[in-house]
């Protein structure tokens, strides 16, 4: 049985690709993070601020590849702190997701 949870995730650099200069611990953390993402079975929404300097469109694309059922939303007028930058759009989309899950 899977339990659902809601969380606000600030995962600075956890899923950055490992380059040849990455330390063994960074590569290990990356591989564990990928495996954890692939194991997600609950409804998932990935929300990115269009002008975020922390989470890129490529990061969201990678997460969508790892969690195929995830829905991605980009809030164009927001930076990394989406709820603070454009709370109306964020809450409207979250409300839509919650209504569909009912």
Protein backbone atom coordinates (compact mmCIF):
# COMPACT_ATOMS: atom_id res chain seq x y z
CA UNK A 1 0.00 0.00 0.00
CA UNK A 2 1.32 3.43 -0.93
CA UNK A 3 0.68 6.48 1.20
CA UNK A 4 0.50 9.93 -0.33
CA UNK A 5 2.21 12.92 1.14
CA UNK A 6 2.56 16.56 0.23
CA UNK A 7 5.85 18.28 0.65
CA UNK A 8 7.68 21.42 -0.30
CA UNK A 9 11.01 20.18 -1.57
CA UNK A 10 14.17 22.22 -1.64
CA UNK A 11 16.69 19.77 -3.01
CA UNK A 12 19.65 21.91 -3.95
CA UNK A 13 21.79 20.04 -6.44
CA UNK A 14 20.63 16.55 -5.60
CA UNK A 15 19.88 15.50 -9.17
CA UNK A 16 22.60 17.34 -11.03
CA UNK A 17 24.24 14.97 -13.50
CA UNK A 18 27.52 13.50 -12.40
CA UNK A 19 30.45 14.67 -14.42
CA UNK A 20 33.86 13.09 -14.51
CA UNK A 21 34.96 15.50 -11.73
CA UNK A 22 32.11 14.49 -9.38
CA UNK A 23 33.22 12.86 -6.16
CA UNK A 24 32.28 9.23 -5.50
CA UNK A 25 29.87 10.37 -2.78
CA UNK A 26 28.18 12.81 -5.21
CA UNK A 27 27.84 10.06 -7.84
CA UNK A 28 26.43 7.70 -5.22
CA UNK A 29 23.93 10.33 -4.01
CA UNK A 30 22.88 10.98 -7.61
CA UNK A 31 22.30 7.28 -8.32
CA UNK A 32 20.35 6.81 -5.05
CA UNK A 33 18.25 9.88 -5.88
CA UNK A 34 17.49 8.57 -9.36
CA UNK A 35 16.42 5.20 -7.94
CA UNK A 36 14.21 6.91 -5.36
CA UNK A 37 12.57 9.05 -8.06
CA UNK A 38 11.90 5.97 -10.21
CA UNK A 39 10.15 4.34 -7.23
CA UNK A 40 7.62 7.18 -6.81
CA UNK A 41 4.11 5.83 -7.36
CA UNK A 42 1.94 8.59 -5.88
CA UNK A 43 0.49 11.41 -7.98
CA UNK A 44 3.29 13.90 -8.54
CA UNK A 45 3.37 17.50 -9.68
CA UNK A 46 6.68 19.16 -10.52
CA UNK A 47 6.38 22.93 -10.40
CA UNK A 48 9.17 25.19 -11.62
CA UNK A 49 9.48 28.94 -11.67
CA UNK A 50 10.29 30.01 -15.22
CA UNK A 51 13.14 32.24 -14.07
CA UNK A 52 14.50 29.90 -11.39
CA UNK A 53 18.28 29.94 -11.19
CA UNK A 54 18.27 26.71 -9.18
CA UNK A 55 15.97 24.30 -11.06
CA UNK A 56 16.34 24.30 -14.84
CA UNK A 57 13.93 23.09 -17.50
CA UNK A 58 16.43 20.25 -18.08
CA UNK A 59 16.10 19.19 -14.42
CA UNK A 60 12.31 19.03 -14.76
CA UNK A 61 12.66 17.05 -17.99
CA UNK A 62 14.96 14.55 -16.27
CA UNK A 63 12.53 14.16 -13.36
CA UNK A 64 9.66 13.60 -15.81
CA UNK A 65 11.70 10.84 -17.44
CA UNK A 66 12.30 9.25 -14.03
CA UNK A 67 8.67 9.72 -12.86
CA UNK A 68 6.66 9.24 -16.09
CA UNK A 69 3.29 9.90 -14.45
CA UNK A 70 4.44 13.26 -13.07
CA UNK A 71 2.81 16.44 -14.30
CA UNK A 72 5.09 19.39 -14.93
CA UNK A 73 4.05 23.01 -14.55
CA UNK A 74 6.17 26.05 -15.26
CA UNK A 75 5.07 29.33 -13.72
CA UNK A 76 6.65 31.75 -16.17
CA UNK A 77 6.50 34.86 -13.98
CA UNK A 78 8.07 33.20 -10.94
CA UNK A 79 11.58 32.59 -9.75
CA UNK A 80 12.55 29.72 -7.46
CA UNK A 81 10.09 30.68 -4.71
CA UNK A 82 6.98 30.09 -6.81
CA UNK A 83 4.35 30.40 -4.09
CA UNK A 84 5.82 33.73 -3.01
CA UNK A 85 6.31 35.07 -6.55
CA UNK A 86 2.97 34.03 -8.08
CA UNK A 87 0.85 32.39 -5.42
CA UNK A 88 -2.38 32.76 -7.43
CA UNK A 89 -1.14 30.61 -10.31
CA UNK A 90 0.49 28.11 -7.94
CA UNK A 91 -2.66 27.67 -5.83
CA UNK A 92 -4.96 27.47 -8.87
CA UNK A 93 -2.88 24.63 -10.34
CA UNK A 94 -2.60 22.84 -7.00
CA UNK A 95 -6.36 23.11 -6.58
CA UNK A 96 -6.88 21.57 -10.04
CA UNK A 97 -4.64 18.64 -9.11
CA UNK A 98 -6.42 18.08 -5.79
CA UNK A 99 -9.86 18.15 -7.43
CA UNK A 100 -8.74 15.49 -9.95
CA UNK A 101 -7.49 13.29 -7.10
CA UNK A 102 -10.80 13.33 -5.24
